[in-house]
Structures are given as C-alpha cells and as structure tokens.
C-alpha cells in the first residue's frame, strides 16, 4: 500500500501484506515492512514469522522477514 486508509498507518508507508504458507500447512496473512527494499521477501521466498507491535496500544501482528 502506498496510500494510508487511516492516519495511524501513515508512519508505515509503504507497506505490504502477503499470504504466507507455513511448513505445517496453514496459511496466514503477514505484514511485509519496506516492500521496496532489496531484502523484502518476494513470492516463493522462505520467511520467518515474527510478531511485532506496529502501532502503539495495538496487539502484535505477524511480520514476514526473508531468510538468508
């Protein structure tokens, strides 16, 4: 996303959301920080899921970080 649909998300711009398939089989949506960076995960990459609080006072969300 390059346009925030809520003012609270402006500090996170740009950001992406991806569908991650876990080794155990289930899939989940995860936040992808700095999607334009060379280190950002792309389709088919193996990732690690970390739980991070992106907004003050809100629960932690899954964040996909590319491995290797």
N, C-alpha and C. Protein backbone atom coordinates (compact mmCIF):
# COMPACT_ATOMS: atom_id res chain seq x y z
N UNK A 1 0.84 -1.17 0.00
CA UNK A 1 0.00 0.00 0.00
C UNK A 1 0.88 1.23 0.00
N UNK A 2 0.49 2.22 -0.75
CA UNK A 2 1.22 3.48 -0.79
C UNK A 2 0.35 4.64 -0.32
N UNK A 3 -0.88 4.31 -0.01
CA UNK A 3 -1.82 5.32 0.48
C UNK A 3 -2.44 4.77 1.76
N UNK A 4 -2.33 5.55 2.83
CA UNK A 4 -2.91 5.11 4.09
C UNK A 4 -4.40 5.36 4.13
N UNK A 5 -5.15 4.35 4.50
CA UNK A 5 -6.59 4.49 4.58
C UNK A 5 -7.03 4.92 5.98
N UNK A 6 -6.06 5.05 6.87
CA UNK A 6 -6.32 5.54 8.22
C UNK A 6 -5.05 6.29 8.64
N UNK A 7 -5.18 7.46 9.29
CA UNK A 7 -3.99 8.24 9.65
C UNK A 7 -2.97 7.47 10.49
N UNK A 8 -3.41 6.50 11.26
CA UNK A 8 -2.48 5.74 12.10
C UNK A 8 -1.48 4.94 11.28
N UNK A 9 -1.80 4.63 10.03
CA UNK A 9 -0.92 3.83 9.19
C UNK A 9 0.10 4.66 8.41
N UNK A 10 0.01 5.98 8.45
CA UNK A 10 0.93 6.82 7.69
C UNK A 10 2.41 6.53 7.99
N UNK A 11 2.81 6.32 9.25
CA UNK A 11 4.24 6.04 9.50
C UNK A 11 4.72 4.71 8.91
N UNK A 12 3.82 3.85 8.53
CA UNK A 12 4.19 2.54 7.99
C UNK A 12 4.33 2.53 6.47
N UNK A 13 4.02 3.63 5.80
CA UNK A 13 4.02 3.68 4.35
C UNK A 13 5.42 3.56 3.80
N UNK A 14 5.66 2.92 2.66
CA UNK A 14 4.74 1.95 2.09
C UNK A 14 4.84 0.63 2.87
N UNK A 15 3.77 -0.14 2.80
CA UNK A 15 3.79 -1.45 3.43
C UNK A 15 3.03 -2.42 2.55
N UNK A 16 3.23 -3.69 2.81
CA UNK A 16 2.55 -4.72 2.02
C UNK A 16 2.03 -5.79 2.96
N UNK A 17 1.10 -6.55 2.47
CA UNK A 17 0.54 -7.69 3.18
C UNK A 17 0.68 -8.89 2.26
N UNK A 18 1.19 -9.99 2.80
CA UNK A 18 1.37 -11.18 1.98
C UNK A 18 0.73 -12.40 2.60
N UNK A 19 0.43 -13.36 1.78
CA UNK A 19 -0.11 -14.63 2.24
C UNK A 19 1.07 -15.59 2.38
N UNK A 20 1.28 -16.10 3.59
CA UNK A 20 2.43 -16.95 3.88
C UNK A 20 1.93 -18.36 4.17
N UNK A 21 2.50 -19.34 3.47
CA UNK A 21 2.16 -20.74 3.73
C UNK A 21 3.18 -21.30 4.70
N UNK A 22 2.71 -21.73 5.85
CA UNK A 22 3.58 -22.29 6.88
C UNK A 22 3.99 -23.71 6.52
N UNK A 23 5.14 -24.17 7.03
CA UNK A 23 5.60 -25.52 6.77
C UNK A 23 4.57 -26.55 7.22
N UNK A 24 3.81 -26.25 8.27
CA UNK A 24 2.81 -27.18 8.80
C UNK A 24 1.54 -27.21 7.93
N UNK A 25 1.44 -26.32 6.93
CA UNK A 25 0.31 -26.36 6.02
C UNK A 25 -0.60 -25.15 6.02
N UNK A 26 -0.98 -24.62 7.20
CA UNK A 26 -1.89 -23.46 7.18
C UNK A 26 -1.25 -22.23 6.54
N UNK A 27 -2.08 -21.31 6.12
CA UNK A 27 -1.63 -20.03 5.56
C UNK A 27 -2.10 -18.90 6.46
N UNK A 28 -1.32 -17.84 6.48
CA UNK A 28 -1.74 -16.66 7.25
C UNK A 28 -1.29 -15.41 6.53
N UNK A 29 -1.98 -14.32 6.81
CA UNK A 29 -1.58 -13.03 6.26
C UNK A 29 -0.54 -12.44 7.18
N UNK A 30 0.48 -11.83 6.57
CA UNK A 30 1.55 -11.22 7.36
C UNK A 30 1.90 -9.86 6.77
N UNK A 31 2.31 -8.97 7.65
CA UNK A 31 2.79 -7.64 7.26
C UNK A 31 4.17 -7.80 6.63
N UNK A 32 4.44 -7.05 5.57
CA UNK A 32 5.76 -7.03 4.95
C UNK A 32 6.24 -5.59 5.00
N UNK A 33 7.19 -5.35 5.89
CA UNK A 33 7.73 -4.00 6.06
C UNK A 33 8.66 -3.67 4.90
N UNK A 34 8.76 -2.43 4.56
CA UNK A 34 9.62 -1.91 3.49
C UNK A 34 9.63 -2.82 2.25
N UNK A 35 8.49 -2.94 1.59
CA UNK A 35 8.38 -3.86 0.45
C UNK A 35 9.28 -3.50 -0.73
N UNK A 36 9.76 -2.26 -0.79
CA UNK A 36 10.62 -1.85 -1.91
C UNK A 36 12.09 -2.16 -1.66
N UNK A 37 12.43 -2.58 -0.44
CA UNK A 37 13.83 -2.85 -0.10
C UNK A 37 14.32 -4.13 -0.78
N UNK A 38 15.60 -4.20 -1.04
CA UNK A 38 16.19 -5.40 -1.66
C UNK A 38 16.02 -6.63 -0.77
N UNK A 39 15.91 -6.42 0.52
CA UNK A 39 15.79 -7.53 1.47
C UNK A 39 14.35 -7.98 1.70
N UNK A 40 13.40 -7.33 1.08
CA UNK A 40 11.99 -7.69 1.28
C UNK A 40 11.70 -9.06 0.66
N UNK A 41 10.84 -9.84 1.31
CA UNK A 41 10.51 -11.14 0.73
C UNK A 41 9.67 -10.99 -0.54
N UNK A 42 9.84 -11.93 -1.44
CA UNK A 42 9.08 -12.00 -2.69
C UNK A 42 8.41 -13.36 -2.77
N UNK A 43 7.51 -13.51 -3.70
CA UNK A 43 6.80 -14.78 -3.88
C UNK A 43 7.79 -15.93 -4.01
N UNK A 44 7.58 -16.97 -3.23
CA UNK A 44 8.42 -18.15 -3.26
C UNK A 44 9.57 -18.14 -2.27
N UNK A 45 9.88 -16.99 -1.67
CA UNK A 45 10.96 -16.92 -0.67
C UNK A 45 10.54 -17.60 0.62
N UNK A 46 11.51 -18.19 1.31
CA UNK A 46 11.26 -18.69 2.66
C UNK A 46 11.36 -17.51 3.61
N UNK A 47 10.46 -17.46 4.55
CA UNK A 47 10.43 -16.36 5.51
C UNK A 47 10.34 -16.89 6.93
N UNK A 48 10.66 -16.01 7.84
CA UNK A 48 10.45 -16.25 9.27
C UNK A 48 9.32 -15.33 9.70
N UNK A 49 8.44 -15.84 10.53
CA UNK A 49 7.35 -15.01 11.04
C UNK A 49 7.74 -14.51 12.42
N UNK A 50 7.70 -13.21 12.59
CA UNK A 50 7.94 -12.57 13.89
C UNK A 50 6.69 -11.79 14.24
N UNK A 51 6.39 -11.73 15.50
CA UNK A 51 5.23 -10.94 15.94
C UNK A 51 5.73 -9.62 16.48
N UNK A 52 5.25 -8.53 15.89
CA UNK A 52 5.68 -7.18 16.27
C UNK A 52 4.46 -6.29 16.45
N UNK A 53 4.59 -5.38 17.39
CA UNK A 53 3.56 -4.36 17.59
C UNK A 53 3.89 -3.21 16.65
N UNK A 54 3.03 -2.97 15.68
CA UNK A 54 3.29 -1.92 14.68
C UNK A 54 2.74 -0.57 15.11
N UNK A 55 1.68 -0.58 15.89
CA UNK A 55 1.05 0.66 16.35
C UNK A 55 0.95 0.63 17.87
N UNK A 56 1.24 1.74 18.51
CA UNK A 56 1.14 1.83 19.96
C UNK A 56 -0.25 1.45 20.44
N UNK A 57 -0.29 0.63 21.47
CA UNK A 57 -1.56 0.26 22.06
C UNK A 57 -2.32 -0.83 21.32
N UNK A 58 -1.76 -1.33 20.23
CA UNK A 58 -2.42 -2.37 19.44
C UNK A 58 -1.68 -3.70 19.64
N UNK A 59 -2.35 -4.80 19.37
CA UNK A 59 -1.69 -6.10 19.53
C UNK A 59 -0.60 -6.31 18.48
N UNK A 60 0.32 -7.22 18.79
CA UNK A 60 1.37 -7.59 17.85
C UNK A 60 0.74 -8.35 16.68
N UNK A 61 1.32 -8.17 15.50
CA UNK A 61 0.83 -8.83 14.29
C UNK A 61 1.97 -9.64 13.67
N UNK A 62 1.65 -10.65 12.86
CA UNK A 62 2.72 -11.41 12.20
C UNK A 62 3.41 -10.55 11.13
N UNK A 63 4.73 -10.61 11.12
CA UNK A 63 5.54 -9.88 10.16
C UNK A 63 6.45 -10.89 9.47
N UNK A 64 6.45 -10.91 8.14
CA UNK A 64 7.29 -11.84 7.38
C UNK A 64 8.64 -11.20 7.10
N UNK A 65 9.70 -11.94 7.45
CA UNK A 65 11.08 -11.49 7.23
C UNK A 65 11.79 -12.56 6.40
N UNK A 66 12.35 -12.18 5.27
CA UNK A 66 13.01 -13.14 4.37
C UNK A 66 14.22 -13.77 5.06
N UNK A 67 14.39 -15.07 4.88
CA UNK A 67 15.54 -15.79 5.41
C UNK A 67 16.68 -15.74 4.42
N UNK A 68 17.89 -15.70 4.95
CA UNK A 68 19.09 -15.78 4.12
C UNK A 68 19.33 -14.59 3.35
